[in-house]
Amino acid sequence: MNLTAEQLYKKLVTDFKLVGQKGRITFTLKDITVKIETKDSVGNLIQEWLKEWMKNEKIEFKENMHDPFDSPQIFWKPDSEKFAVDSSK
């Protein structure tokens, strides 16, 4: 499924009802668990969640194969790299 920016926004906000939802990110190593609050970690994890959500919804996207450590990592409109999801903002 190839969507415009407005359609992607509507799908996340209206159809999926994302706004106002709460989430929690924790990391556990052995018997110590910490709540993750740093923005760089949260942005990367939300980006991974968004990719999985887009796969589940059959929304076309491609990953940045030029430099996987450079933003943006997801191009949600596969035929044009100018439409990108940038997690660094």
N, C-alpha and C. Protein backbone atom coordinates (compact mmCIF):
# COMPACT_ATOMS: atom_id res chain seq x y z
N MET A 1 0.86 -1.17 0.00
CA MET A 1 0.00 0.00 0.00
C MET A 1 0.90 1.23 0.00
N ASN A 2 0.68 2.12 -0.93
CA ASN A 2 1.47 3.33 -1.05
C ASN A 2 0.60 4.49 -0.59
N LEU A 3 1.02 5.20 0.47
CA LEU A 3 0.21 6.25 1.07
C LEU A 3 0.86 7.62 0.94
N THR A 4 0.03 8.66 0.93
CA THR A 4 0.54 10.02 1.02
C THR A 4 0.84 10.30 2.50
N ALA A 5 1.48 11.42 2.76
CA ALA A 5 1.78 11.80 4.14
C ALA A 5 0.49 11.95 4.95
N GLU A 6 -0.52 12.56 4.35
CA GLU A 6 -1.79 12.76 5.04
C GLU A 6 -2.47 11.42 5.36
N GLN A 7 -2.40 10.48 4.42
CA GLN A 7 -3.01 9.17 4.64
C GLN A 7 -2.28 8.40 5.74
N LEU A 8 -0.95 8.49 5.76
CA LEU A 8 -0.17 7.82 6.80
C LEU A 8 -0.50 8.41 8.16
N TYR A 9 -0.59 9.74 8.23
CA TYR A 9 -0.94 10.42 9.48
C TYR A 9 -2.33 9.98 9.96
N LYS A 10 -3.31 9.98 9.05
CA LYS A 10 -4.67 9.57 9.41
C LYS A 10 -4.70 8.13 9.91
N LYS A 11 -3.94 7.27 9.26
CA LYS A 11 -3.92 5.85 9.64
C LYS A 11 -3.37 5.70 11.06
N LEU A 12 -2.31 6.44 11.39
CA LEU A 12 -1.73 6.36 12.74
C LEU A 12 -2.61 7.04 13.78
N VAL A 13 -3.08 8.25 13.49
CA VAL A 13 -3.79 9.05 14.50
C VAL A 13 -5.26 8.69 14.61
N THR A 14 -5.96 8.60 13.50
CA THR A 14 -7.40 8.36 13.54
C THR A 14 -7.74 6.88 13.60
N ASP A 15 -7.20 6.11 12.67
CA ASP A 15 -7.55 4.69 12.59
C ASP A 15 -6.92 3.88 13.73
N PHE A 16 -5.63 4.08 13.97
CA PHE A 16 -4.91 3.32 14.99
C PHE A 16 -5.06 3.94 16.38
N LYS A 17 -5.53 5.20 16.44
CA LYS A 17 -5.76 5.94 17.69
C LYS A 17 -4.48 6.00 18.55
N LEU A 18 -3.39 6.44 17.93
CA LEU A 18 -2.09 6.47 18.60
C LEU A 18 -1.96 7.62 19.60
N VAL A 19 -2.55 8.77 19.29
CA VAL A 19 -2.40 9.94 20.14
C VAL A 19 -3.02 9.68 21.51
N GLY A 20 -2.28 10.00 22.56
CA GLY A 20 -2.75 9.83 23.93
C GLY A 20 -2.42 8.49 24.54
N GLN A 21 -1.89 7.58 23.74
CA GLN A 21 -1.52 6.27 24.26
C GLN A 21 -0.21 6.36 25.05
N LYS A 22 -0.05 5.48 25.97
CA LYS A 22 1.16 5.45 26.79
C LYS A 22 1.97 4.20 26.47
N GLY A 23 3.26 4.35 26.56
CA GLY A 23 4.15 3.23 26.34
C GLY A 23 5.24 3.22 27.40
N ARG A 24 5.96 2.13 27.45
CA ARG A 24 7.03 2.00 28.44
C ARG A 24 8.17 1.24 27.79
N ILE A 25 9.38 1.74 28.00
CA ILE A 25 10.55 1.05 27.48
C ILE A 25 11.46 0.74 28.66
N THR A 26 11.74 -0.54 28.84
CA THR A 26 12.63 -0.96 29.92
C THR A 26 13.72 -1.87 29.36
N PHE A 27 14.80 -1.95 30.09
CA PHE A 27 15.90 -2.83 29.73
C PHE A 27 16.28 -3.61 30.98
N THR A 28 16.38 -4.92 30.85
CA THR A 28 16.74 -5.77 31.98
C THR A 28 17.99 -6.56 31.63
N LEU A 29 18.94 -6.53 32.55
CA LEU A 29 20.14 -7.34 32.43
C LEU A 29 20.34 -8.01 33.78
N LYS A 30 20.29 -9.30 33.76
CA LYS A 30 20.31 -10.14 34.95
C LYS A 30 19.13 -9.75 35.83
N ASP A 31 19.34 -9.20 36.98
CA ASP A 31 18.21 -8.89 37.86
C ASP A 31 18.01 -7.39 38.06
N ILE A 32 18.58 -6.58 37.18
CA ILE A 32 18.42 -5.13 37.28
C ILE A 32 17.65 -4.64 36.06
N THR A 33 16.56 -3.91 36.31
CA THR A 33 15.72 -3.35 35.25
C THR A 33 15.75 -1.83 35.35
N VAL A 34 15.92 -1.17 34.23
CA VAL A 34 15.90 0.29 34.20
C VAL A 34 14.85 0.75 33.20
N LYS A 35 14.24 1.88 33.49
CA LYS A 35 13.30 2.52 32.57
C LYS A 35 14.13 3.41 31.65
N ILE A 36 13.95 3.26 30.34
CA ILE A 36 14.71 4.03 29.37
C ILE A 36 13.99 5.34 29.09
N GLU A 37 14.70 6.44 29.28
CA GLU A 37 14.11 7.75 29.05
C GLU A 37 14.93 8.63 28.12
N THR A 38 16.14 8.22 27.75
CA THR A 38 16.96 9.06 26.88
C THR A 38 16.34 9.14 25.50
N LYS A 39 16.32 10.35 24.94
CA LYS A 39 15.63 10.58 23.67
C LYS A 39 16.25 9.80 22.52
N ASP A 40 17.56 9.63 22.49
CA ASP A 40 18.16 8.91 21.37
C ASP A 40 17.73 7.45 21.38
N SER A 41 17.63 6.85 22.53
CA SER A 41 17.17 5.45 22.61
C SER A 41 15.71 5.34 22.24
N VAL A 42 14.90 6.23 22.76
CA VAL A 42 13.46 6.19 22.51
C VAL A 42 13.19 6.39 21.02
N GLY A 43 13.85 7.33 20.38
CA GLY A 43 13.65 7.58 18.96
C GLY A 43 13.98 6.36 18.11
N ASN A 44 15.08 5.71 18.42
CA ASN A 44 15.47 4.51 17.68
C ASN A 44 14.47 3.38 17.88
N LEU A 45 13.99 3.22 19.11
CA LEU A 45 13.02 2.15 19.39
C LEU A 45 11.67 2.44 18.74
N ILE A 46 11.24 3.70 18.75
CA ILE A 46 9.98 4.05 18.09
C ILE A 46 10.12 3.82 16.58
N GLN A 47 11.28 4.11 16.04
CA GLN A 47 11.51 3.87 14.62
C GLN A 47 11.36 2.38 14.31
N GLU A 48 11.90 1.51 15.15
CA GLU A 48 11.76 0.07 14.96
C GLU A 48 10.30 -0.35 15.08
N TRP A 49 9.58 0.24 16.04
CA TRP A 49 8.15 -0.05 16.19
C TRP A 49 7.39 0.39 14.94
N LEU A 50 7.71 1.59 14.43
CA LEU A 50 7.03 2.10 13.26
C LEU A 50 7.25 1.20 12.05
N LYS A 51 8.46 0.71 11.87
CA LYS A 51 8.72 -0.22 10.77
C LYS A 51 7.86 -1.47 10.88
N GLU A 52 7.76 -2.02 12.08
CA GLU A 52 6.95 -3.23 12.29
C GLU A 52 5.47 -2.93 12.05
N TRP A 53 4.99 -1.79 12.52
CA TRP A 53 3.60 -1.39 12.31
C TRP A 53 3.32 -1.25 10.82
N MET A 54 4.24 -0.62 10.09
CA MET A 54 4.05 -0.43 8.65
C MET A 54 4.04 -1.78 7.93
N LYS A 55 4.86 -2.74 8.37
CA LYS A 55 4.83 -4.08 7.80
C LYS A 55 3.47 -4.73 8.05
N ASN A 56 2.99 -4.65 9.28
CA ASN A 56 1.69 -5.24 9.63
C ASN A 56 0.55 -4.63 8.83
N GLU A 57 0.66 -3.33 8.55
CA GLU A 57 -0.39 -2.62 7.80
C GLU A 57 -0.16 -2.70 6.29
N LYS A 58 0.92 -3.37 5.88
CA LYS A 58 1.26 -3.53 4.46
C LYS A 58 1.48 -2.18 3.77
N ILE A 59 2.13 -1.27 4.49
CA ILE A 59 2.47 0.05 3.95
C ILE A 59 3.88 -0.04 3.38
N GLU A 60 4.04 0.40 2.15
CA GLU A 60 5.33 0.31 1.49
C GLU A 60 6.33 1.28 2.12
N PHE A 61 7.55 0.80 2.31
CA PHE A 61 8.66 1.64 2.76
C PHE A 61 9.94 0.92 2.42
N LYS A 62 11.04 1.63 2.50
CA LYS A 62 12.33 0.98 2.35
C LYS A 62 13.28 1.59 3.37
N GLU A 63 14.30 0.84 3.69
CA GLU A 63 15.27 1.31 4.67
C GLU A 63 16.43 1.99 3.96
N ASN A 64 17.08 2.90 4.65
CA ASN A 64 18.24 3.60 4.13
C ASN A 64 19.40 2.62 4.03
N MET A 65 19.71 2.20 2.82
CA MET A 65 20.79 1.25 2.62
C MET A 65 22.12 1.96 2.37
N HIS A 66 22.08 3.27 2.15
CA HIS A 66 23.31 4.03 1.90
C HIS A 66 24.15 4.11 3.17
N ASP A 67 23.52 4.48 4.26
CA ASP A 67 24.21 4.60 5.54
C ASP A 67 23.19 4.31 6.64
N PRO A 68 23.16 3.08 7.16
CA PRO A 68 22.14 2.72 8.16
C PRO A 68 22.27 3.49 9.48
N PHE A 69 23.38 4.22 9.67
CA PHE A 69 23.55 5.00 10.90
C PHE A 69 23.23 6.47 10.70
N ASP A 70 22.83 6.84 9.48
CA ASP A 70 22.52 8.22 9.16
C ASP A 70 21.01 8.37 9.10
N SER A 71 20.52 9.54 9.48
CA SER A 71 19.08 9.80 9.39
C SER A 71 18.76 10.29 8.00
N PRO A 72 17.62 10.00 7.48
CA PRO A 72 16.59 9.10 8.02
C PRO A 72 16.92 7.65 7.71
N GLN A 73 16.41 6.75 8.53
CA GLN A 73 16.62 5.33 8.30
C GLN A 73 15.48 4.69 7.53
N ILE A 74 14.32 5.34 7.50
CA ILE A 74 13.16 4.79 6.79
C ILE A 74 12.70 5.79 5.74
N PHE A 75 12.52 5.32 4.51
CA PHE A 75 11.88 6.10 3.47
C PHE A 75 10.50 5.48 3.29
N TRP A 76 9.45 6.15 3.74
CA TRP A 76 8.13 5.52 3.73
C TRP A 76 7.48 5.55 2.36
N LYS A 77 8.00 6.30 1.44
CA LYS A 77 7.48 6.28 0.07
C LYS A 77 8.61 5.74 -0.79
N PRO A 78 8.62 4.45 -1.04
CA PRO A 78 9.78 3.78 -1.64
C PRO A 78 10.27 4.35 -2.96
N ASP A 79 9.39 4.98 -3.75
CA ASP A 79 9.83 5.47 -5.05
C ASP A 79 10.51 6.83 -4.97
N SER A 80 10.58 7.43 -3.78
CA SER A 80 11.23 8.74 -3.66
C SER A 80 11.85 8.89 -2.28
N GLU A 81 13.16 9.12 -2.24
CA GLU A 81 13.85 9.25 -0.96
C GLU A 81 13.63 10.62 -0.33
N LYS A 82 12.88 11.50 -1.00
CA LYS A 82 12.65 12.81 -0.38
C LYS A 82 11.55 12.76 0.68
N PHE A 83 10.74 11.69 0.69
CA PHE A 83 9.71 11.53 1.70
C PHE A 83 10.26 10.55 2.74
N ALA A 84 10.69 11.06 3.87
CA ALA A 84 11.41 10.21 4.81
C ALA A 84 10.88 10.37 6.21
N VAL A 85 11.05 9.32 6.98
CA VAL A 85 10.74 9.34 8.40
C VAL A 85 12.08 9.51 9.12
N ASP A 86 12.26 10.64 9.78
CA ASP A 86 13.53 10.95 10.42
C ASP A 86 13.33 10.91 11.93
N SER A 87 13.93 9.93 12.59
CA SER A 87 13.75 9.75 14.03
C SER A 87 14.60 10.69 14.85
N SER A 88 15.47 11.50 14.23
CA SER A 88 16.36 12.35 15.00
C SER A 88 15.69 13.64 15.44
N LYS A 89 14.47 13.90 14.98
CA LYS A 89 13.78 15.15 15.32
C LYS A 89 12.92 14.97 16.54
